[in-house]
Amino acid sequence: MKKDTTLSIRLSKLELDIIRTEAKKAHLSQSDYVTQCCLGQQVVVMDGLKEVLTELRRIGNNVNQLAVLCNMGKLNAVNLDGVQKSLSEIGRTLREMQEGR
């Protein structure tokens, strides 16, 4: 949507500093941050997500290594039910965090 209208408001220095800080934390422009807040869209900041994704990649690598060993015939069977449940739970939790629950 094209933004072709300007809205001017008066803020205290402290209010402006807070908006700038929160917009920066959310990786949004001040305009986008204020617009989302005013239109009732929740702004969710997920710190530490990089570390979570790194761990998920490591788990994925381990599962792939197990699959390779099974395909080579070095392992007969691997029960990954627990891993599947854990990964599903992690995914559900991340979605809930993203949605602000």
C-alpha atoms as a PDB file:
ATOM      1  CA  MET A   1       0.000   0.000   0.000  1.00  0.00           C
ATOM      2  CA  LYS A   2       1.365   3.414  -0.965  1.00  0.00           C
ATOM      3  CA  LYS A   3       1.952   5.781   1.940  1.00  0.00           C
ATOM      4  CA  ASP A   4       0.987   9.203   0.663  1.00  0.00           C
ATOM      5  CA  THR A   5      -0.351  10.963   3.771  1.00  0.00           C
ATOM      6  CA  THR A   6       1.485  12.495   6.710  1.00  0.00           C
ATOM      7  CA  LEU A   7       0.387  12.584  10.344  1.00  0.00           C
ATOM      8  CA  SER A   8       2.029  15.066  12.706  1.00  0.00           C
ATOM      9  CA  ILE A   9       1.845  14.563  16.458  1.00  0.00           C
ATOM     10  CA  ARG A  10       3.448  16.134  19.477  1.00  0.00           C
ATOM     11  CA  LEU A  11       5.503  13.982  21.823  1.00  0.00           C
ATOM     12  CA  SER A  12       7.715  14.576  24.772  1.00  0.00           C
ATOM     13  CA  LYS A  13      11.419  13.875  24.308  1.00  0.00           C
ATOM     14  CA  LEU A  14      11.050  10.821  26.527  1.00  0.00           C
ATOM     15  CA  GLU A  15       8.137   9.442  24.468  1.00  0.00           C
ATOM     16  CA  LEU A  16      10.059   9.903  21.230  1.00  0.00           C
ATOM     17  CA  ASP A  17      13.120   8.180  22.717  1.00  0.00           C
ATOM     18  CA  ILE A  18      10.972   5.239  23.814  1.00  0.00           C
ATOM     19  CA  ILE A  19       9.403   4.916  20.343  1.00  0.00           C
ATOM     20  CA  ARG A  20      12.830   5.064  18.687  1.00  0.00           C
ATOM     21  CA  THR A  21      14.222   2.436  21.060  1.00  0.00           C
ATOM     22  CA  GLU A  22      11.265   0.072  20.665  1.00  0.00           C
ATOM     23  CA  ALA A  23      11.244   0.469  16.869  1.00  0.00           C
ATOM     24  CA  LYS A  24      14.954  -0.305  16.742  1.00  0.00           C
ATOM     25  CA  LYS A  25      14.481  -3.411  18.931  1.00  0.00           C
ATOM     26  CA  ALA A  26      11.719  -4.579  16.577  1.00  0.00           C
ATOM     27  CA  HIS A  27      13.888  -3.880  13.499  1.00  0.00           C
ATOM     28  CA  LEU A  28      11.198  -1.542  12.166  1.00  0.00           C
ATOM     29  CA  SER A  29      11.177   2.062  11.053  1.00  0.00           C
ATOM     30  CA  GLN A  30       9.559   4.474  13.497  1.00  0.00           C
ATOM     31  CA  SER A  31       6.689   4.942  11.063  1.00  0.00           C
ATOM     32  CA  ASP A  32       6.064   1.205  10.677  1.00  0.00           C
ATOM     33  CA  TYR A  33       6.354   0.626  14.429  1.00  0.00           C
ATOM     34  CA  VAL A  34       3.843   3.356  15.328  1.00  0.00           C
ATOM     35  CA  THR A  35       1.493   2.277  12.524  1.00  0.00           C
ATOM     36  CA  GLN A  36       1.477  -1.344  13.696  1.00  0.00           C
ATOM     37  CA  CYS A  37       0.902  -0.324  17.311  1.00  0.00           C
ATOM     38  CA  CYS A  38      -1.931   2.058  16.443  1.00  0.00           C
ATOM     39  CA  LEU A  39      -3.663  -0.430  14.146  1.00  0.00           C
ATOM     40  CA  GLY A  40      -3.716  -3.065  16.871  1.00  0.00           C
ATOM     41  CA  GLN A  41      -1.045  -5.283  15.332  1.00  0.00           C
ATOM     42  CA  GLN A  42       1.148  -6.799  17.989  1.00  0.00           C
ATOM     43  CA  VAL A  43       4.875  -6.129  17.624  1.00  0.00           C
ATOM     44  CA  VAL A  44       6.780  -9.208  18.788  1.00  0.00           C
ATOM     45  CA  VAL A  45      10.535  -9.147  19.336  1.00  0.00           C
ATOM     46  CA  MET A  46      12.155 -12.551  19.695  1.00  0.00           C
ATOM     47  CA  ASP A  47      15.640 -12.219  21.141  1.00  0.00           C
ATOM     48  CA  GLY A  48      17.907 -15.252  21.112  1.00  0.00           C
ATOM     49  CA  LEU A  49      16.305 -16.789  18.042  1.00  0.00           C
ATOM     50  CA  LYS A  50      19.679 -17.153  16.318  1.00  0.00           C
ATOM     51  CA  GLU A  51      20.867 -19.529  19.040  1.00  0.00           C
ATOM     52  CA  VAL A  52      17.657 -21.565  18.828  1.00  0.00           C
ATOM     53  CA  LEU A  53      18.005 -21.927  15.057  1.00  0.00           C
ATOM     54  CA  THR A  54      21.651 -22.988  15.454  1.00  0.00           C
ATOM     55  CA  GLU A  55      20.606 -25.752  17.868  1.00  0.00           C
ATOM     56  CA  LEU A  56      17.804 -26.865  15.531  1.00  0.00           C
ATOM     57  CA  ARG A  57      20.332 -27.138  12.682  1.00  0.00           C
ATOM     58  CA  ARG A  58      22.584 -29.260  14.888  1.00  0.00           C
ATOM     59  CA  ILE A  59      19.699 -31.574  15.718  1.00  0.00           C
ATOM     60  CA  GLY A  60      18.870 -31.819  12.016  1.00  0.00           C
ATOM     61  CA  ASN A  61      22.485 -32.724  11.218  1.00  0.00           C
ATOM     62  CA  ASN A  62      22.424 -35.468  13.852  1.00  0.00           C
ATOM     63  CA  VAL A  63      19.190 -36.904  12.446  1.00  0.00           C
ATOM     64  CA  ASN A  64      20.705 -36.856   8.939  1.00  0.00           C
ATOM     65  CA  GLN A  65      23.790 -38.699  10.206  1.00  0.00           C
ATOM     66  CA  LEU A  66      21.559 -41.370  11.733  1.00  0.00           C
ATOM     67  CA  ALA A  67      19.686 -41.700   8.427  1.00  0.00           C
ATOM     68  CA  VAL A  68      22.973 -42.131   6.543  1.00  0.00           C
ATOM     69  CA  LEU A  69      24.095 -44.848   8.985  1.00  0.00           C
ATOM     70  CA  CYS A  70      20.756 -46.640   8.551  1.00  0.00           C
ATOM     71  CA  ASN A  71      21.056 -46.446   4.776  1.00  0.00           C
ATOM     72  CA  MET A  72      24.613 -47.853   4.973  1.00  0.00           C
ATOM     73  CA  GLY A  73      23.334 -50.779   7.019  1.00  0.00           C
ATOM     74  CA  LYS A  74      25.412 -49.881  10.079  1.00  0.00           C
ATOM     75  CA  LEU A  75      22.255 -49.349  12.129  1.00  0.00           C
ATOM     76  CA  ASN A  76      19.199 -51.549  11.925  1.00  0.00           C
ATOM     77  CA  ALA A  77      16.580 -49.265  13.405  1.00  0.00           C
ATOM     78  CA  VAL A  78      16.492 -45.884  15.058  1.00  0.00           C
ATOM     79  CA  ASN A  79      13.533 -44.741  17.139  1.00  0.00           C
ATOM     80  CA  LEU A  80      13.124 -41.030  16.469  1.00  0.00           C
ATOM     81  CA  ASP A  81       9.659 -40.642  18.011  1.00  0.00           C
ATOM     82  CA  GLY A  82      11.069 -38.611  20.904  1.00  0.00           C
ATOM     83  CA  VAL A  83      13.024 -36.380  18.542  1.00  0.00           C
ATOM     84  CA  GLN A  84       9.941 -35.799  16.409  1.00  0.00           C
ATOM     85  CA  LYS A  85       7.878 -34.872  19.482  1.00  0.00           C
ATOM     86  CA  SER A  86      10.592 -32.513  20.730  1.00  0.00           C
ATOM     87  CA  LEU A  87      10.950 -30.780  17.373  1.00  0.00           C
ATOM     88  CA  SER A  88       7.176 -30.412  17.095  1.00  0.00           C
ATOM     89  CA  GLU A  89       7.060 -28.873  20.569  1.00  0.00           C
ATOM     90  CA  ILE A  90       9.876 -26.457  19.698  1.00  0.00           C
ATOM     91  CA  GLY A  91       8.062 -25.426  16.519  1.00  0.00           C
ATOM     92  CA  ARG A  92       4.781 -24.918  18.392  1.00  0.00           C
ATOM     93  CA  THR A  93       6.516 -22.850  21.070  1.00  0.00           C
ATOM     94  CA  LEU A  94       8.249 -20.647  18.502  1.00  0.00           C
ATOM     95  CA  ARG A  95       4.939 -20.055  16.694  1.00  0.00           C
ATOM     96  CA  GLU A  96       3.257 -19.108  19.977  1.00  0.00           C
ATOM     97  CA  MET A  97       6.093 -16.726  20.790  1.00  0.00           C
ATOM     98  CA  GLN A  98       5.810 -15.168  17.361  1.00  0.00           C
ATOM     99  CA  GLU A  99       2.076 -14.693  17.837  1.00  0.00           C
ATOM    100  CA  GLY A 100       2.705 -13.111  21.232  1.00  0.00           C
ATOM    101  CA  ARG A 101       0.987 -15.753  23.360  1.00  0.00           C
END
